[in-house]
Amino acid sequence: MLQTLKLPVIFLLGPTASGKTDWAIEWQKLFTQIEIISVDSVMVYKGCDIGSAKPTADILKAHPHYLVDKVSLDQIFSVADFCLEASILIKNIHERDHVPLLVGGSMMYFNLLKHGLNSLPPADPAFRLALEDRIKTEGIASLYEELKTSNPEAAQSIKPQDTQRISRALEVDHLTKTNSEELFGEGLSSAPLAASYRLLEYGIFPEDRAQLHQRIEARQHLLIKNGLLAEVQGLNKAYQISPDHPAMKAVNYRQAQQVLKGEIQESELFERSLYATRQLAKRQCTWLRGWQDLNTFDVDGFNHASEDLEKQLYLPASL
């Protein structure tokens, strides 16, 4: 009996500075039916250009990325917002007989899409206030231990002192486990992407960690040289940015804000941001090692990955 294949959705994951954007653009050149969706929690904000290593305006004009420059910094684009927007984009791209390619390094975003937590509301204010009270009385370490029990995979990617991300992860667990009927009754799909689509999951996984560190260091020099500090100064003037804003807690922006607040010297910016970026890459690689059904290729494995993708995209419609 013939079995009709599901429509494809491509994932391209990898640690920071591994070349994901370059691969995505080259794949779009090779396979013109591809449309790119960014999976990056910082590139989504207008003005966060240098610190997020956002593609240049010329590149984005030639190769548009959905969910880049989506909102300004006076808003917060939550993981729930991302999942909803991405789900709509995937559907619309397929209606054009094209193929969505999701590319980025925000592993939690990929994970939530894959496993179906795409119906969460942006926040639960009452639960968040309760968490804030608990942080004051019990300390963030207690909440982190709770997260390790309830969602070990999420805890693995979060620093034990990251109050904002720990709180949000606990809120996600709370919403999905206790309010699923209410949340999923509003017409938004809670099903994993794999239930509706054929996921083609690719990962850039550097076999030589030293090579990745070299790439990170070279890019970090460019970010500093190109005006990371000036960019953050300009954003501070343009917006009343809360220190708890997710974008300002991201790598590079956190360290630049520390300089501007006088917490560290400007001469320390490079080393501090370099260290933070390496730690981010380490956490991203941890996600990749545990990712099921991921086809991994080395940093220089673009041609092999492209050959595999071509075979997957041009499978007969029925098997």
Protein backbone atom coordinates (compact mmCIF):
# COMPACT_ATOMS: atom_id res chain seq x y z
CA MET A 1 0.00 0.00 0.00
CA LEU A 2 1.36 3.43 -0.97
CA GLN A 3 2.04 5.86 1.85
CA THR A 4 1.97 9.59 1.13
CA LEU A 5 4.90 11.48 2.61
CA LYS A 6 4.25 14.38 4.94
CA LEU A 7 5.37 17.84 3.87
CA PRO A 8 8.98 18.54 4.91
CA VAL A 9 10.24 21.00 7.51
CA ILE A 10 14.00 21.48 7.74
CA PHE A 11 15.78 22.17 11.04
CA LEU A 12 19.35 23.47 10.98
CA LEU A 13 20.85 23.67 14.46
CA GLY A 14 24.36 24.39 15.66
CA PRO A 15 26.45 26.24 18.21
CA THR A 16 27.17 29.91 17.83
CA ALA A 17 29.74 30.81 15.12
CA SER A 18 29.49 27.37 13.50
CA GLY A 19 28.28 28.79 10.18
CA LYS A 20 24.52 28.13 10.35
CA THR A 21 23.54 31.31 8.52
CA ASP A 22 26.00 30.63 5.70
CA TRP A 23 24.68 27.10 5.29
CA ALA A 24 21.07 28.31 5.21
CA ILE A 25 21.82 30.89 2.54
CA GLU A 26 23.76 28.41 0.41
CA TRP A 27 20.92 25.89 0.73
CA GLN A 28 18.48 28.53 -0.47
CA LYS A 29 20.70 29.09 -3.50
CA LEU A 30 20.79 25.34 -4.20
CA PHE A 31 17.13 24.66 -3.46
CA THR A 32 15.18 27.73 -4.55
CA GLN A 33 11.94 26.51 -2.96
CA ILE A 34 13.43 27.03 0.52
CA GLU A 35 12.23 29.94 2.68
CA ILE A 36 14.21 30.76 5.84
CA ILE A 37 12.79 31.21 9.34
CA SER A 38 15.18 32.49 12.00
CA VAL A 39 15.23 30.65 15.31
CA ASP A 40 17.11 33.23 17.36
CA SER A 41 15.82 34.90 20.50
CA VAL A 42 17.85 38.10 19.94
CA MET A 43 17.84 38.62 16.16
CA VAL A 44 14.07 38.98 16.45
CA TYR A 45 14.61 42.47 17.93
CA LYS A 46 15.18 45.53 15.76
CA GLY A 47 18.46 47.24 16.57
CA CYS A 48 20.11 44.16 18.09
CA ASP A 49 22.38 43.76 15.09
CA ILE A 50 26.03 43.56 16.09
CA GLY A 51 25.68 41.68 19.36
CA SER A 52 23.47 39.01 17.79
CA ALA A 53 25.72 38.63 14.70
CA LYS A 54 22.63 39.37 12.61
CA PRO A 55 23.08 39.01 8.82
CA THR A 56 23.68 42.34 7.10
CA ALA A 57 20.87 44.32 5.50
CA ASP A 58 22.16 43.38 2.04
CA ILE A 59 22.13 39.67 2.90
CA LEU A 60 18.65 39.90 4.38
CA LYS A 61 17.42 41.70 1.27
CA ALA A 62 18.78 38.94 -0.97
CA HIS A 63 17.84 36.12 1.41
CA PRO A 64 14.95 37.20 3.64
CA HIS A 65 14.75 35.62 7.10
CA TYR A 66 11.35 35.54 8.77
CA LEU A 67 11.38 36.53 12.47
CA VAL A 68 14.42 38.78 12.11
CA ASP A 69 13.68 42.41 13.09
CA LYS A 70 10.16 41.33 14.02
CA VAL A 71 9.67 43.58 17.08
CA SER A 72 11.27 46.56 18.78
CA LEU A 73 12.85 46.47 22.22
CA ASP A 74 9.88 48.09 23.89
CA GLN A 75 8.23 44.68 23.53
CA ILE A 76 9.13 41.18 24.66
CA PHE A 77 8.88 38.42 22.07
CA SER A 78 8.34 35.32 24.18
CA VAL A 79 8.97 31.69 23.30
CA ALA A 80 5.19 31.28 23.03
CA ASP A 81 5.07 34.15 20.53
CA PHE A 82 7.82 32.46 18.55
CA CYS A 83 6.11 29.08 18.45
CA LEU A 84 2.83 30.59 17.29
CA GLU A 85 4.45 32.77 14.60
CA ALA A 86 6.66 29.93 13.37
CA SER A 87 3.72 27.53 13.12
CA ILE A 88 1.78 30.03 11.01
CA LEU A 89 4.80 30.69 8.79
CA ILE A 90 5.36 26.97 8.21
CA LYS A 91 1.76 26.54 7.11
CA ASN A 92 1.89 29.57 4.80
CA ILE A 93 5.18 28.49 3.23
CA HIS A 94 3.78 25.05 2.44
CA GLU A 95 0.71 26.66 0.87
CA ARG A 96 3.14 28.29 -1.61
CA ASP A 97 4.57 24.81 -2.37
CA HIS A 98 7.81 25.89 -0.74
CA VAL A 99 9.85 24.33 2.07
CA PRO A 100 10.46 26.05 5.43
CA LEU A 101 14.02 26.00 6.76
CA LEU A 102 14.30 26.90 10.44
CA VAL A 103 17.84 27.94 11.33
CA GLY A 104 19.38 29.22 14.55
CA GLY A 105 20.91 28.50 17.91
CA SER A 106 17.99 28.93 20.30
CA MET A 107 17.74 25.26 21.17
CA MET A 108 14.78 25.64 23.52
CA TYR A 109 12.75 27.19 20.72
CA PHE A 110 13.51 24.24 18.44
CA ASN A 111 12.74 21.82 21.24
CA LEU A 112 9.35 23.36 22.02
CA LEU A 113 8.35 23.36 18.36
CA LYS A 114 9.43 19.78 17.88
CA HIS A 115 7.66 18.50 20.97
CA GLY A 116 4.50 20.50 20.57
CA LEU A 117 4.35 23.18 23.26
CA ASN A 118 3.20 25.77 20.76
CA SER A 119 -0.03 26.81 22.44
CA LEU A 120 1.34 28.52 25.50
CA PRO A 121 0.12 32.04 26.29
CA PRO A 122 2.87 34.64 26.66
CA ALA A 123 2.79 34.56 30.46
CA ASP A 124 0.86 33.73 33.62
CA PRO A 125 1.20 36.86 35.80
CA ALA A 126 -0.15 35.23 38.96
CA PHE A 127 2.19 32.26 38.71
CA ARG A 128 5.12 34.60 37.92
CA LEU A 129 4.40 36.67 41.05
CA ALA A 130 4.31 33.49 43.11
CA LEU A 131 7.69 32.51 41.70
CA GLU A 132 9.10 35.95 42.56
CA ASP A 133 7.93 35.53 46.14
CA ARG A 134 9.53 32.10 46.29
CA ILE A 135 12.82 33.48 44.97
CA LYS A 136 12.85 36.02 47.79
CA THR A 137 12.09 33.44 50.48
CA GLU A 138 13.73 30.27 49.16
CA GLY A 139 16.38 31.57 46.77
CA ILE A 140 16.86 30.84 43.07
CA ALA A 141 18.86 27.68 43.84
CA SER A 142 15.73 26.04 45.22
CA LEU A 143 13.76 26.80 42.05
CA TYR A 144 16.61 25.53 39.90
CA GLU A 145 16.58 22.22 41.77
CA GLU A 146 12.84 22.01 41.15
CA LEU A 147 13.39 22.61 37.44
CA LYS A 148 16.05 19.88 37.33
CA THR A 149 13.41 17.46 38.60
CA SER A 150 10.49 18.62 36.46
CA ASN A 151 12.39 19.31 33.23
CA PRO A 152 16.02 18.07 33.27
CA GLU A 153 16.53 18.87 29.58
CA ALA A 154 15.61 22.52 30.05
CA ALA A 155 17.67 22.81 33.25
CA GLN A 156 20.72 21.49 31.44
CA SER A 157 20.69 24.50 29.11
CA ILE A 158 20.19 27.14 31.83
CA LYS A 159 22.69 28.53 34.29
CA PRO A 160 21.74 27.92 37.95
CA GLN A 161 21.77 31.70 38.59
CA ASP A 162 19.67 32.73 35.56
CA THR A 163 16.55 33.89 37.39
CA GLN A 164 14.62 34.96 34.29
CA ARG A 165 15.08 31.74 32.31
CA ILE A 166 14.52 29.47 35.32
CA SER A 167 11.28 31.27 36.11
CA ARG A 168 10.08 31.07 32.51
CA ALA A 169 10.95 27.36 32.25
CA LEU A 170 8.99 26.61 35.43
CA GLU A 171 6.11 28.67 34.09
CA VAL A 172 6.15 26.66 30.84
CA ASP A 173 5.96 23.43 32.84
CA HIS A 174 3.15 24.81 34.97
CA LEU A 175 1.10 25.95 31.98
CA THR A 176 1.48 22.76 29.99
CA LYS A 177 0.93 20.34 32.86
CA THR A 178 -1.92 22.01 34.72
CA ASN A 179 -3.81 24.02 32.11
CA SER A 180 -3.55 21.95 28.96
CA GLU A 181 -7.30 21.70 28.29
CA GLU A 182 -7.82 25.43 28.72
CA LEU A 183 -4.80 26.39 26.64
CA PHE A 184 -5.33 23.95 23.82
CA GLY A 185 -9.03 24.66 23.46
CA GLU A 186 -8.53 27.95 21.65
CA GLY A 187 -7.82 26.58 18.19
CA LEU A 188 -4.02 26.51 18.48
CA SER A 189 -2.34 23.20 17.73
CA SER A 190 -0.52 21.59 20.63
CA ALA A 191 0.73 18.67 18.53
CA PRO A 192 4.44 18.15 17.87
CA LEU A 193 5.58 19.26 14.43
CA ALA A 194 6.48 15.65 13.70
CA ALA A 195 2.80 14.75 13.96
CA SER A 196 2.01 16.87 10.91
CA TYR A 197 5.30 17.22 9.05
CA ARG A 198 8.37 15.26 8.03
CA LEU A 199 11.21 16.78 10.02
CA LEU A 200 14.60 16.87 8.30
CA GLU A 201 16.90 17.65 11.21
CA TYR A 202 20.49 18.73 10.57
CA GLY A 203 23.11 19.80 13.07
CA ILE A 204 26.50 21.41 12.61
CA PHE A 205 28.57 19.69 15.28
CA PRO A 206 32.27 20.68 15.35
CA GLU A 207 34.44 17.60 15.73
CA ASP A 208 37.39 19.80 16.71
CA ARG A 209 36.30 22.03 19.58
CA ALA A 210 39.45 24.13 19.16
CA GLN A 211 38.34 25.02 15.65
CA LEU A 212 35.02 26.28 16.97
CA HIS A 213 36.81 28.33 19.64
CA GLN A 214 38.95 29.93 16.95
CA ARG A 215 35.87 30.85 14.95
CA ILE A 216 34.22 32.30 18.06
CA GLU A 217 37.31 34.36 18.92
CA ALA A 218 37.64 35.72 15.36
CA ARG A 219 34.00 36.75 15.32
CA GLN A 220 34.23 38.27 18.79
CA HIS A 221 37.02 40.57 17.63
CA LEU A 222 34.76 41.70 14.79
CA LEU A 223 31.79 42.34 17.06
CA ILE A 224 33.85 44.56 19.33
CA LYS A 225 35.54 46.32 16.40
CA ASN A 226 32.21 46.91 14.62
CA GLY A 227 30.79 48.79 17.60
CA LEU A 228 29.04 46.48 20.04
CA LEU A 229 29.38 48.99 22.87
CA ALA A 230 28.10 51.89 20.75
CA GLU A 231 25.15 49.78 19.64
CA VAL A 232 24.09 49.11 23.22
CA GLN A 233 24.58 52.78 24.15
CA GLY A 234 22.25 53.72 21.30
CA LEU A 235 19.64 51.18 22.37
CA ASN A 236 19.75 52.51 25.93
CA LYS A 237 19.08 56.03 24.63
CA ALA A 238 16.25 54.91 22.36
CA TYR A 239 14.43 52.71 24.87
CA GLN A 240 13.82 52.46 28.58
CA ILE A 241 15.21 48.94 28.65
CA SER A 242 14.67 46.87 31.76
CA PRO A 243 17.75 44.94 32.91
CA ASP A 244 15.44 41.91 32.93
CA HIS A 245 14.64 42.25 29.23
CA PRO A 246 15.63 38.91 27.61
CA ALA A 247 17.68 40.60 24.88
CA MET A 248 19.79 42.50 27.42
CA LYS A 249 20.51 39.29 29.31
CA ALA A 250 21.86 37.63 26.18
CA VAL A 251 25.55 37.07 25.52
CA ASN A 252 27.36 40.25 24.37
CA TYR A 253 24.52 42.54 25.47
CA ARG A 254 24.87 41.54 29.11
CA GLN A 255 28.61 42.24 29.07
CA ALA A 256 28.20 45.55 27.21
CA GLN A 257 25.62 46.67 29.77
CA GLN A 258 28.06 45.76 32.55
CA VAL A 259 30.62 48.11 30.99
CA LEU A 260 28.10 50.93 30.66
CA LYS A 261 27.02 50.49 34.29
CA GLY A 262 30.63 50.60 35.44
CA GLU A 263 30.55 47.02 36.73
CA ILE A 264 33.49 46.01 34.54
CA GLN A 265 36.11 47.96 32.60
CA GLU A 266 35.80 48.50 28.86
CA SER A 267 39.13 46.71 28.49
CA GLU A 268 37.46 43.60 29.94
CA LEU A 269 34.63 43.53 27.41
CA PHE A 270 36.35 41.27 24.89
CA GLU A 271 37.47 38.60 27.36
CA ARG A 272 34.19 38.60 29.30
CA SER A 273 32.04 38.32 26.18
CA LEU A 274 34.39 35.74 24.66
CA TYR A 275 34.13 33.56 27.76
CA ALA A 276 30.33 33.89 27.83
CA THR A 277 30.09 32.98 24.14
CA ARG A 278 32.23 29.89 24.64
CA GLN A 279 30.00 28.83 27.53
CA LEU A 280 26.93 29.35 25.33
CA ALA A 281 28.48 27.17 22.62
CA LYS A 282 29.20 24.48 25.21
CA ARG A 283 25.55 24.44 26.31
CA GLN A 284 24.38 24.34 22.70
CA CYS A 285 26.64 21.36 21.99
CA THR A 286 25.15 19.61 25.02
CA TRP A 287 21.70 20.04 23.49
CA LEU A 288 22.97 18.66 20.16
CA ARG A 289 24.50 15.56 21.75
CA GLY A 290 21.14 14.62 23.25
CA TRP A 291 19.03 15.50 20.20
CA GLN A 292 17.22 12.51 18.75
CA ASP A 293 17.09 11.95 14.97
CA LEU A 294 19.69 14.65 14.30
CA ASN A 295 21.94 14.25 11.26
CA THR A 296 25.20 15.86 12.36
CA PHE A 297 27.97 17.16 10.14
CA ASP A 298 31.27 18.83 10.90
CA VAL A 299 31.77 22.56 10.30
CA ASP A 300 33.29 21.72 6.90
CA GLY A 301 30.65 19.13 6.01
CA PHE A 302 28.36 21.37 3.97
CA ASN A 303 28.67 19.37 0.74
CA HIS A 304 27.85 16.05 2.41
CA ALA A 305 24.90 17.63 4.24
CA SER A 306 23.64 19.14 0.99
CA GLU A 307 23.77 15.79 -0.78
CA ASP A 308 21.72 14.24 2.01
CA LEU A 309 19.21 17.11 1.99
CA GLU A 310 18.77 16.82 -1.77
CA LYS A 311 17.88 13.14 -1.43
CA GLN A 312 15.36 13.91 1.32
CA LEU A 313 13.71 16.78 -0.53
CA TYR A 314 13.25 14.85 -3.74
CA LEU A 315 11.88 11.62 -2.35
CA PRO A 316 8.84 10.46 -4.33
CA ALA A 317 5.57 11.79 -2.94
CA SER A 318 4.44 8.24 -2.19
CA LEU A 319 6.44 5.27 -0.98
